[in-house]
ModelCIF file with pLDDT and N, C-alpha, C, O atoms, coordinates in Angstrom:
data_MODEL
#
_entry.id   MODEL 
#
_entity.id                         1 
_entity.type                       polymer 
_entity.pdbx_number_of_molecules   1 
#
_entity_poly.entity_id                      1 
_entity_poly.type                           'polypeptide(L)' 
_entity_poly.nstd_linkage                   no 
_entity_poly.nstd_monomer                   no 
_entity_poly.pdbx_seq_one_letter_code       SMAWFRQPPGKERDVVAGINWSSGITDYAESVKGRFTISRDN 
_entity_poly.pdbx_seq_one_letter_code_can   SMAWFRQPPGKERDVVAGINWSSGITDYAESVKGRFTISRDN 
_entity_poly.pdbx_strand_id                 A 
#
loop_
_entity_poly_seq.entity_id 
_entity_poly_seq.num 
_entity_poly_seq.mon_id 
_entity_poly_seq.hetero 
1 1  SER n 
1 2  MET n 
1 3  ALA n 
1 4  TRP n 
1 5  PHE n 
1 6  ARG n 
1 7  GLN n 
1 8  PRO n 
1 9  PRO n 
1 10 GLY n 
1 11 LYS n 
1 12 GLU n 
1 13 ARG n 
1 14 ASP n 
1 15 VAL n 
1 16 VAL n 
1 17 ALA n 
1 18 GLY n 
1 19 ILE n 
1 20 ASN n 
1 21 TRP n 
1 22 SER n 
1 23 SER n 
1 24 GLY n 
1 25 ILE n 
1 26 THR n 
1 27 ASP n 
1 28 TYR n 
1 29 ALA n 
1 30 GLU n 
1 31 SER n 
1 32 VAL n 
1 33 LYS n 
1 34 GLY n 
1 35 ARG n 
1 36 PHE n 
1 37 THR n 
1 38 ILE n 
1 39 SER n 
1 40 ARG n 
1 41 ASP n 
1 42 ASN n 
#
_struct_asym.id          A 
_struct_asym.entity_id   1 
#
loop_
_ma_qa_metric.id 
_ma_qa_metric.mode 
_ma_qa_metric.name 
_ma_qa_metric.software_group_id 
_ma_qa_metric.type 
1 global pLDDT . pLDDT 
2 local  pLDDT . pLDDT 
#
_ma_qa_metric_global.metric_id      1 
_ma_qa_metric_global.metric_value   95.24 
_ma_qa_metric_global.model_id       1 
_ma_qa_metric_global.ordinal_id     1 
#
loop_
_ma_qa_metric_local.label_asym_id 
_ma_qa_metric_local.label_comp_id 
_ma_qa_metric_local.label_seq_id 
_ma_qa_metric_local.metric_id 
_ma_qa_metric_local.metric_value 
_ma_qa_metric_local.model_id 
_ma_qa_metric_local.ordinal_id 
A SER 1  2 92.00 1 1  
A MET 2  2 94.00 1 2  
A ALA 3  2 97.00 1 3  
A TRP 4  2 98.00 1 4  
A PHE 5  2 98.00 1 5  
A ARG 6  2 98.00 1 6  
A GLN 7  2 98.00 1 7  
A PRO 8  2 97.00 1 8  
A PRO 9  2 93.00 1 9  
A GLY 10 2 95.00 1 10 
A LYS 11 2 97.00 1 11 
A GLU 12 2 96.00 1 12 
A ARG 13 2 97.00 1 13 
A ASP 14 2 97.00 1 14 
A VAL 15 2 97.00 1 15 
A VAL 16 2 98.00 1 16 
A ALA 17 2 98.00 1 17 
A GLY 18 2 97.00 1 18 
A ILE 19 2 96.00 1 19 
A ASN 20 2 93.00 1 20 
A TRP 21 2 87.00 1 21 
A SER 22 2 85.00 1 22 
A SER 23 2 88.00 1 23 
A GLY 24 2 90.00 1 24 
A ILE 25 2 92.00 1 25 
A THR 26 2 96.00 1 26 
A ASP 27 2 97.00 1 27 
A TYR 28 2 98.00 1 28 
A ALA 29 2 98.00 1 29 
A GLU 30 2 97.00 1 30 
A SER 31 2 97.00 1 31 
A VAL 32 2 98.00 1 32 
A LYS 33 2 98.00 1 33 
A GLY 34 2 98.00 1 34 
A ARG 35 2 98.00 1 35 
A PHE 36 2 98.00 1 36 
A THR 37 2 98.00 1 37 
A ILE 38 2 98.00 1 38 
A SER 39 2 96.00 1 39 
A ARG 40 2 92.00 1 40 
A ASP 41 2 91.00 1 41 
A ASN 42 2 84.00 1 42 
#
loop_
_atom_site.group_PDB 
_atom_site.id 
_atom_site.type_symbol 
_atom_site.label_atom_id 
_atom_site.label_alt_id 
_atom_site.label_comp_id 
_atom_site.label_asym_id 
_atom_site.label_entity_id 
_atom_site.label_seq_id 
_atom_site.pdbx_PDB_ins_code 
_atom_site.Cartn_x 
_atom_site.Cartn_y 
_atom_site.Cartn_z 
_atom_site.occupancy 
_atom_site.B_iso_or_equiv 
_atom_site.pdbx_formal_charge 
_atom_site.auth_seq_id 
_atom_site.auth_comp_id 
_atom_site.auth_asym_id 
_atom_site.auth_atom_id 
_atom_site.pdbx_PDB_model_num 
ATOM 1   N N  . SER A 1 1  ? -64.967 93.445 23.252 1.00 92.00 ? 1  SER A N  1 
ATOM 2   C CA . SER A 1 1  ? -65.764 92.478 24.550 1.00 92.00 ? 1  SER A CA 1 
ATOM 3   C C  . SER A 1 1  ? -67.335 92.472 24.770 1.00 92.00 ? 1  SER A C  1 
ATOM 4   O O  . SER A 1 1  ? -68.184 93.290 24.412 1.00 92.00 ? 1  SER A O  1 
ATOM 5   N N  . MET A 1 2  ? -67.416 91.602 25.286 1.00 94.00 ? 2  MET A N  1 
ATOM 6   C CA . MET A 1 2  ? -68.803 91.283 25.275 1.00 94.00 ? 2  MET A CA 1 
ATOM 7   C C  . MET A 1 2  ? -69.313 90.912 26.535 1.00 94.00 ? 2  MET A C  1 
ATOM 8   O O  . MET A 1 2  ? -68.572 90.196 27.208 1.00 94.00 ? 2  MET A O  1 
ATOM 9   N N  . ALA A 1 3  ? -70.310 91.202 26.974 1.00 97.00 ? 3  ALA A N  1 
ATOM 10  C CA . ALA A 1 3  ? -70.609 90.354 28.611 1.00 97.00 ? 3  ALA A CA 1 
ATOM 11  C C  . ALA A 1 3  ? -72.173 90.085 28.306 1.00 97.00 ? 3  ALA A C  1 
ATOM 12  O O  . ALA A 1 3  ? -72.955 90.315 27.383 1.00 97.00 ? 3  ALA A O  1 
ATOM 13  N N  . TRP A 1 4  ? -72.209 89.404 29.725 1.00 98.00 ? 4  TRP A N  1 
ATOM 14  C CA . TRP A 1 4  ? -73.819 89.254 29.715 1.00 98.00 ? 4  TRP A CA 1 
ATOM 15  C C  . TRP A 1 4  ? -73.908 89.961 31.341 1.00 98.00 ? 4  TRP A C  1 
ATOM 16  O O  . TRP A 1 4  ? -73.045 89.989 32.219 1.00 98.00 ? 4  TRP A O  1 
ATOM 17  N N  . PHE A 1 5  ? -75.132 90.432 31.334 1.00 98.00 ? 5  PHE A N  1 
ATOM 18  C CA . PHE A 1 5  ? -75.345 91.172 32.743 1.00 98.00 ? 5  PHE A CA 1 
ATOM 19  C C  . PHE A 1 5  ? -76.742 90.703 33.218 1.00 98.00 ? 5  PHE A C  1 
ATOM 20  O O  . PHE A 1 5  ? -77.508 90.322 32.333 1.00 98.00 ? 5  PHE A O  1 
ATOM 21  N N  . ARG A 1 6  ? -77.148 90.681 34.420 1.00 98.00 ? 6  ARG A N  1 
ATOM 22  C CA . ARG A 1 6  ? -78.431 90.334 34.583 1.00 98.00 ? 6  ARG A CA 1 
ATOM 23  C C  . ARG A 1 6  ? -78.779 91.428 36.087 1.00 98.00 ? 6  ARG A C  1 
ATOM 24  O O  . ARG A 1 6  ? -78.067 92.080 36.851 1.00 98.00 ? 6  ARG A O  1 
ATOM 25  N N  . GLN A 1 7  ? -80.248 91.174 35.960 1.00 98.00 ? 7  GLN A N  1 
ATOM 26  C CA . GLN A 1 7  ? -80.843 92.329 36.905 1.00 98.00 ? 7  GLN A CA 1 
ATOM 27  C C  . GLN A 1 7  ? -82.035 91.762 37.683 1.00 98.00 ? 7  GLN A C  1 
ATOM 28  O O  . GLN A 1 7  ? -83.175 91.977 37.270 1.00 98.00 ? 7  GLN A O  1 
ATOM 29  N N  . PRO A 1 8  ? -81.766 90.885 39.042 1.00 97.00 ? 8  PRO A N  1 
ATOM 30  C CA . PRO A 1 8  ? -82.736 90.267 39.251 1.00 97.00 ? 8  PRO A CA 1 
ATOM 31  C C  . PRO A 1 8  ? -83.892 91.409 40.032 1.00 97.00 ? 8  PRO A C  1 
ATOM 32  O O  . PRO A 1 8  ? -83.505 92.476 40.510 1.00 97.00 ? 8  PRO A O  1 
ATOM 33  N N  . PRO A 1 9  ? -85.331 90.967 40.052 1.00 93.00 ? 9  PRO A N  1 
ATOM 34  C CA . PRO A 1 9  ? -86.350 92.032 40.557 1.00 93.00 ? 9  PRO A CA 1 
ATOM 35  C C  . PRO A 1 9  ? -85.914 92.659 41.904 1.00 93.00 ? 9  PRO A C  1 
ATOM 36  O O  . PRO A 1 9  ? -85.735 91.921 42.873 1.00 93.00 ? 9  PRO A O  1 
ATOM 37  N N  . GLY A 1 10 ? -85.661 94.575 42.036 1.00 95.00 ? 10 GLY A N  1 
ATOM 38  C CA . GLY A 1 10 ? -85.247 95.251 43.032 1.00 95.00 ? 10 GLY A CA 1 
ATOM 39  C C  . GLY A 1 10 ? -83.771 95.140 43.002 1.00 95.00 ? 10 GLY A C  1 
ATOM 40  O O  . GLY A 1 10 ? -83.281 96.062 43.654 1.00 95.00 ? 10 GLY A O  1 
ATOM 41  N N  . LYS A 1 11 ? -83.079 94.530 42.602 1.00 97.00 ? 11 LYS A N  1 
ATOM 42  C CA . LYS A 1 11 ? -81.770 94.629 42.328 1.00 97.00 ? 11 LYS A CA 1 
ATOM 43  C C  . LYS A 1 11 ? -80.941 95.283 41.696 1.00 97.00 ? 11 LYS A C  1 
ATOM 44  O O  . LYS A 1 11 ? -81.447 95.809 40.705 1.00 97.00 ? 11 LYS A O  1 
ATOM 45  N N  . GLU A 1 12 ? -79.554 95.551 41.868 1.00 96.00 ? 12 GLU A N  1 
ATOM 46  C CA . GLU A 1 12 ? -78.510 96.108 40.826 1.00 96.00 ? 12 GLU A CA 1 
ATOM 47  C C  . GLU A 1 12 ? -78.292 95.090 39.356 1.00 96.00 ? 12 GLU A C  1 
ATOM 48  O O  . GLU A 1 12 ? -78.324 93.859 39.361 1.00 96.00 ? 12 GLU A O  1 
ATOM 49  N N  . ARG A 1 13 ? -78.104 95.837 38.328 1.00 97.00 ? 13 ARG A N  1 
ATOM 50  C CA . ARG A 1 13 ? -77.627 95.052 37.228 1.00 97.00 ? 13 ARG A CA 1 
ATOM 51  C C  . ARG A 1 13 ? -76.064 94.952 37.401 1.00 97.00 ? 13 ARG A C  1 
ATOM 52  O O  . ARG A 1 13 ? -75.347 95.880 37.774 1.00 97.00 ? 13 ARG A O  1 
ATOM 53  N N  . ASP A 1 14 ? -75.606 93.551 37.037 1.00 97.00 ? 14 ASP A N  1 
ATOM 54  C CA . ASP A 1 14 ? -74.115 93.067 37.358 1.00 97.00 ? 14 ASP A CA 1 
ATOM 55  C C  . ASP A 1 14 ? -73.838 91.843 36.571 1.00 97.00 ? 14 ASP A C  1 
ATOM 56  O O  . ASP A 1 14 ? -74.512 90.814 36.525 1.00 97.00 ? 14 ASP A O  1 
ATOM 57  N N  . VAL A 1 15 ? -72.501 92.186 35.835 1.00 97.00 ? 15 VAL A N  1 
ATOM 58  C CA . VAL A 1 15 ? -72.133 91.222 35.049 1.00 97.00 ? 15 VAL A CA 1 
ATOM 59  C C  . VAL A 1 15 ? -72.275 89.648 35.543 1.00 97.00 ? 15 VAL A C  1 
ATOM 60  O O  . VAL A 1 15 ? -72.048 89.523 36.746 1.00 97.00 ? 15 VAL A O  1 
ATOM 61  N N  . VAL A 1 16 ? -72.581 88.519 34.904 1.00 98.00 ? 16 VAL A N  1 
ATOM 62  C CA . VAL A 1 16 ? -72.463 87.486 35.053 1.00 98.00 ? 16 VAL A CA 1 
ATOM 63  C C  . VAL A 1 16 ? -71.447 86.762 34.359 1.00 98.00 ? 16 VAL A C  1 
ATOM 64  O O  . VAL A 1 16 ? -71.030 85.785 34.980 1.00 98.00 ? 16 VAL A O  1 
ATOM 65  N N  . ALA A 1 17 ? -70.879 86.996 33.118 1.00 98.00 ? 17 ALA A N  1 
ATOM 66  C CA . ALA A 1 17 ? -69.811 86.454 32.059 1.00 98.00 ? 17 ALA A CA 1 
ATOM 67  C C  . ALA A 1 17 ? -69.424 87.343 31.205 1.00 98.00 ? 17 ALA A C  1 
ATOM 68  O O  . ALA A 1 17 ? -70.125 88.342 31.046 1.00 98.00 ? 17 ALA A O  1 
ATOM 69  N N  . GLY A 1 18 ? -68.187 87.170 30.448 1.00 97.00 ? 18 GLY A N  1 
ATOM 70  C CA . GLY A 1 18 ? -67.590 88.185 29.945 1.00 97.00 ? 18 GLY A CA 1 
ATOM 71  C C  . GLY A 1 18 ? -66.480 87.454 28.964 1.00 97.00 ? 18 GLY A C  1 
ATOM 72  O O  . GLY A 1 18 ? -65.508 86.815 29.367 1.00 97.00 ? 18 GLY A O  1 
ATOM 73  N N  . ILE A 1 19 ? -66.816 87.672 27.681 1.00 96.00 ? 19 ILE A N  1 
ATOM 74  C CA . ILE A 1 19 ? -65.912 87.226 26.717 1.00 96.00 ? 19 ILE A CA 1 
ATOM 75  C C  . ILE A 1 19 ? -65.253 88.024 26.043 1.00 96.00 ? 19 ILE A C  1 
ATOM 76  O O  . ILE A 1 19 ? -65.759 89.015 25.515 1.00 96.00 ? 19 ILE A O  1 
ATOM 77  N N  . ASN A 1 20 ? -64.113 87.733 25.966 1.00 93.00 ? 20 ASN A N  1 
ATOM 78  C CA . ASN A 1 20 ? -63.224 88.757 24.882 1.00 93.00 ? 20 ASN A CA 1 
ATOM 79  C C  . ASN A 1 20 ? -62.797 88.068 23.166 1.00 93.00 ? 20 ASN A C  1 
ATOM 80  O O  . ASN A 1 20 ? -61.966 87.237 22.800 1.00 93.00 ? 20 ASN A O  1 
ATOM 81  N N  . TRP A 1 21 ? -63.650 88.753 22.558 1.00 87.00 ? 21 TRP A N  1 
ATOM 82  C CA . TRP A 1 21 ? -63.909 88.311 21.400 1.00 87.00 ? 21 TRP A CA 1 
ATOM 83  C C  . TRP A 1 21 ? -62.727 87.789 20.115 1.00 87.00 ? 21 TRP A C  1 
ATOM 84  O O  . TRP A 1 21 ? -62.880 86.917 19.261 1.00 87.00 ? 21 TRP A O  1 
ATOM 85  N N  . SER A 1 22 ? -61.561 88.672 20.366 1.00 85.00 ? 22 SER A N  1 
ATOM 86  C CA . SER A 1 22 ? -60.415 88.442 19.716 1.00 85.00 ? 22 SER A CA 1 
ATOM 87  C C  . SER A 1 22 ? -59.894 86.998 20.452 1.00 85.00 ? 22 SER A C  1 
ATOM 88  O O  . SER A 1 22 ? -59.941 85.941 19.825 1.00 85.00 ? 22 SER A O  1 
ATOM 89  N N  . SER A 1 23 ? -59.446 87.061 21.702 1.00 88.00 ? 23 SER A N  1 
ATOM 90  C CA . SER A 1 23 ? -58.738 85.661 22.346 1.00 88.00 ? 23 SER A CA 1 
ATOM 91  C C  . SER A 1 23 ? -59.580 85.071 22.999 1.00 88.00 ? 23 SER A C  1 
ATOM 92  O O  . SER A 1 23 ? -59.011 84.209 23.669 1.00 88.00 ? 23 SER A O  1 
ATOM 93  N N  . GLY A 1 24 ? -60.783 85.075 23.185 1.00 90.00 ? 24 GLY A N  1 
ATOM 94  C CA . GLY A 1 24 ? -61.838 83.896 23.540 1.00 90.00 ? 24 GLY A CA 1 
ATOM 95  C C  . GLY A 1 24 ? -61.802 83.811 25.249 1.00 90.00 ? 24 GLY A C  1 
ATOM 96  O O  . GLY A 1 24 ? -62.387 82.949 25.905 1.00 90.00 ? 24 GLY A O  1 
ATOM 97  N N  . ILE A 1 25 ? -61.043 84.822 25.756 1.00 92.00 ? 25 ILE A N  1 
ATOM 98  C CA . ILE A 1 25 ? -61.109 84.253 27.096 1.00 92.00 ? 25 ILE A CA 1 
ATOM 99  C C  . ILE A 1 25 ? -62.302 84.987 27.684 1.00 92.00 ? 25 ILE A C  1 
ATOM 100 O O  . ILE A 1 25 ? -63.001 85.911 27.268 1.00 92.00 ? 25 ILE A O  1 
ATOM 101 N N  . THR A 1 26 ? -62.297 84.263 28.784 1.00 96.00 ? 26 THR A N  1 
ATOM 102 C CA . THR A 1 26 ? -63.563 84.067 29.708 1.00 96.00 ? 26 THR A CA 1 
ATOM 103 C C  . THR A 1 26 ? -63.345 84.402 30.879 1.00 96.00 ? 26 THR A C  1 
ATOM 104 O O  . THR A 1 26 ? -62.201 84.549 31.309 1.00 96.00 ? 26 THR A O  1 
ATOM 105 N N  . ASP A 1 27 ? -64.238 84.550 31.471 1.00 97.00 ? 27 ASP A N  1 
ATOM 106 C CA . ASP A 1 27 ? -64.733 84.651 33.230 1.00 97.00 ? 27 ASP A CA 1 
ATOM 107 C C  . ASP A 1 27 ? -66.047 84.770 33.663 1.00 97.00 ? 27 ASP A C  1 
ATOM 108 O O  . ASP A 1 27 ? -66.933 84.973 32.832 1.00 97.00 ? 27 ASP A O  1 
ATOM 109 N N  . TYR A 1 28 ? -66.266 84.686 34.695 1.00 98.00 ? 28 TYR A N  1 
ATOM 110 C CA . TYR A 1 28 ? -67.696 84.511 35.044 1.00 98.00 ? 28 TYR A CA 1 
ATOM 111 C C  . TYR A 1 28 ? -67.901 84.952 36.586 1.00 98.00 ? 28 TYR A C  1 
ATOM 112 O O  . TYR A 1 28 ? -66.829 85.040 37.185 1.00 98.00 ? 28 TYR A O  1 
ATOM 113 N N  . ALA A 1 29 ? -68.962 85.226 37.301 1.00 98.00 ? 29 ALA A N  1 
ATOM 114 C CA . ALA A 1 29 ? -69.107 85.527 38.424 1.00 98.00 ? 29 ALA A CA 1 
ATOM 115 C C  . ALA A 1 29 ? -69.264 84.287 39.367 1.00 98.00 ? 29 ALA A C  1 
ATOM 116 O O  . ALA A 1 29 ? -70.042 83.362 39.136 1.00 98.00 ? 29 ALA A O  1 
ATOM 117 N N  . GLU A 1 30 ? -68.676 84.346 40.141 1.00 97.00 ? 30 GLU A N  1 
ATOM 118 C CA . GLU A 1 30 ? -68.383 83.130 41.349 1.00 97.00 ? 30 GLU A CA 1 
ATOM 119 C C  . GLU A 1 30 ? -69.813 82.153 41.108 1.00 97.00 ? 30 GLU A C  1 
ATOM 120 O O  . GLU A 1 30 ? -69.792 80.976 40.750 1.00 97.00 ? 30 GLU A O  1 
ATOM 121 N N  . SER A 1 31 ? -71.104 83.011 41.418 1.00 97.00 ? 31 SER A N  1 
ATOM 122 C CA . SER A 1 31 ? -72.086 82.272 41.601 1.00 97.00 ? 31 SER A CA 1 
ATOM 123 C C  . SER A 1 31 ? -72.670 81.465 40.031 1.00 97.00 ? 31 SER A C  1 
ATOM 124 O O  . SER A 1 31 ? -73.537 80.604 39.884 1.00 97.00 ? 31 SER A O  1 
ATOM 125 N N  . VAL A 1 32 ? -72.164 81.864 39.444 1.00 98.00 ? 32 VAL A N  1 
ATOM 126 C CA . VAL A 1 32 ? -72.535 80.988 37.841 1.00 98.00 ? 32 VAL A CA 1 
ATOM 127 C C  . VAL A 1 32 ? -71.585 80.214 37.563 1.00 98.00 ? 32 VAL A C  1 
ATOM 128 O O  . VAL A 1 32 ? -71.893 79.525 36.591 1.00 98.00 ? 32 VAL A O  1 
ATOM 129 N N  . LYS A 1 33 ? -70.312 79.936 38.045 1.00 98.00 ? 33 LYS A N  1 
ATOM 130 C CA . LYS A 1 33 ? -69.128 79.437 37.412 1.00 98.00 ? 33 LYS A CA 1 
ATOM 131 C C  . LYS A 1 33 ? -69.181 77.575 37.787 1.00 98.00 ? 33 LYS A C  1 
ATOM 132 O O  . LYS A 1 33 ? -69.160 76.972 38.859 1.00 98.00 ? 33 LYS A O  1 
ATOM 133 N N  . GLY A 1 34 ? -69.251 77.135 36.458 1.00 98.00 ? 34 GLY A N  1 
ATOM 134 C CA . GLY A 1 34 ? -69.615 75.420 36.835 1.00 98.00 ? 34 GLY A CA 1 
ATOM 135 C C  . GLY A 1 34 ? -70.964 75.334 35.984 1.00 98.00 ? 34 GLY A C  1 
ATOM 136 O O  . GLY A 1 34 ? -71.400 74.223 35.684 1.00 98.00 ? 34 GLY A O  1 
ATOM 137 N N  . ARG A 1 35 ? -71.552 76.364 35.636 1.00 98.00 ? 35 ARG A N  1 
ATOM 138 C CA . ARG A 1 35 ? -72.946 76.582 35.689 1.00 98.00 ? 35 ARG A CA 1 
ATOM 139 C C  . ARG A 1 35 ? -73.251 77.021 34.007 1.00 98.00 ? 35 ARG A C  1 
ATOM 140 O O  . ARG A 1 35 ? -73.940 76.417 33.186 1.00 98.00 ? 35 ARG A O  1 
ATOM 141 N N  . PHE A 1 36 ? -72.696 77.921 33.892 1.00 98.00 ? 36 PHE A N  1 
ATOM 142 C CA . PHE A 1 36 ? -72.961 78.862 32.565 1.00 98.00 ? 36 PHE A CA 1 
ATOM 143 C C  . PHE A 1 36 ? -71.702 78.969 31.958 1.00 98.00 ? 36 PHE A C  1 
ATOM 144 O O  . PHE A 1 36 ? -70.629 78.989 32.561 1.00 98.00 ? 36 PHE A O  1 
ATOM 145 N N  . THR A 1 37 ? -71.888 79.046 30.594 1.00 98.00 ? 37 THR A N  1 
ATOM 146 C CA . THR A 1 37 ? -70.699 79.127 29.766 1.00 98.00 ? 37 THR A CA 1 
ATOM 147 C C  . THR A 1 37 ? -70.747 80.411 28.474 1.00 98.00 ? 37 THR A C  1 
ATOM 148 O O  . THR A 1 37 ? -71.293 80.243 27.384 1.00 98.00 ? 37 THR A O  1 
ATOM 149 N N  . ILE A 1 38 ? -70.435 80.975 28.667 1.00 98.00 ? 38 ILE A N  1 
ATOM 150 C CA . ILE A 1 38 ? -70.355 82.266 27.540 1.00 98.00 ? 38 ILE A CA 1 
ATOM 151 C C  . ILE A 1 38 ? -69.622 81.557 26.282 1.00 98.00 ? 38 ILE A C  1 
ATOM 152 O O  . ILE A 1 38 ? -68.637 80.823 26.360 1.00 98.00 ? 38 ILE A O  1 
ATOM 153 N N  . SER A 1 39 ? -70.166 81.855 25.356 1.00 96.00 ? 39 SER A N  1 
ATOM 154 C CA . SER A 1 39 ? -69.306 81.858 23.698 1.00 96.00 ? 39 SER A CA 1 
ATOM 155 C C  . SER A 1 39 ? -69.607 82.671 22.357 1.00 96.00 ? 39 SER A C  1 
ATOM 156 O O  . SER A 1 39 ? -70.326 83.663 22.247 1.00 96.00 ? 39 SER A O  1 
ATOM 157 N N  . ARG A 1 40 ? -68.947 82.069 21.454 1.00 92.00 ? 40 ARG A N  1 
ATOM 158 C CA . ARG A 1 40 ? -69.202 83.652 20.512 1.00 92.00 ? 40 ARG A CA 1 
ATOM 159 C C  . ARG A 1 40 ? -69.001 82.408 19.207 1.00 92.00 ? 40 ARG A C  1 
ATOM 160 O O  . ARG A 1 40 ? -68.451 81.307 19.232 1.00 92.00 ? 40 ARG A O  1 
ATOM 161 N N  . ASP A 1 41 ? -69.660 83.097 18.193 1.00 91.00 ? 41 ASP A N  1 
ATOM 162 C CA . ASP A 1 41 ? -69.340 82.227 16.774 1.00 91.00 ? 41 ASP A CA 1 
ATOM 163 C C  . ASP A 1 41 ? -69.131 83.466 15.911 1.00 91.00 ? 41 ASP A C  1 
ATOM 164 O O  . ASP A 1 41 ? -70.033 84.089 15.351 1.00 91.00 ? 41 ASP A O  1 
ATOM 165 N N  . ASN A 1 42 ? -67.841 83.741 15.874 1.00 84.00 ? 42 ASN A N  1 
ATOM 166 C CA . ASN A 1 42 ? -67.624 84.471 14.430 1.00 84.00 ? 42 ASN A CA 1 
ATOM 167 C C  . ASN A 1 42 ? -68.230 84.697 13.262 1.00 84.00 ? 42 ASN A C  1 
ATOM 168 O O  . ASN A 1 42 ? -67.659 85.346 12.386 1.00 84.00 ? 42 ASN A O  1 
#
């Protein structure tokens, strides 16, 4: 699995998007759904 995290200034690091490399299943933090897309190029 691979994921994107982000850490705003003065805040804790948290997951914004993740993808399962094998299945391609993705999921997102509520704050970025509909705006961010995680993808892979094998």
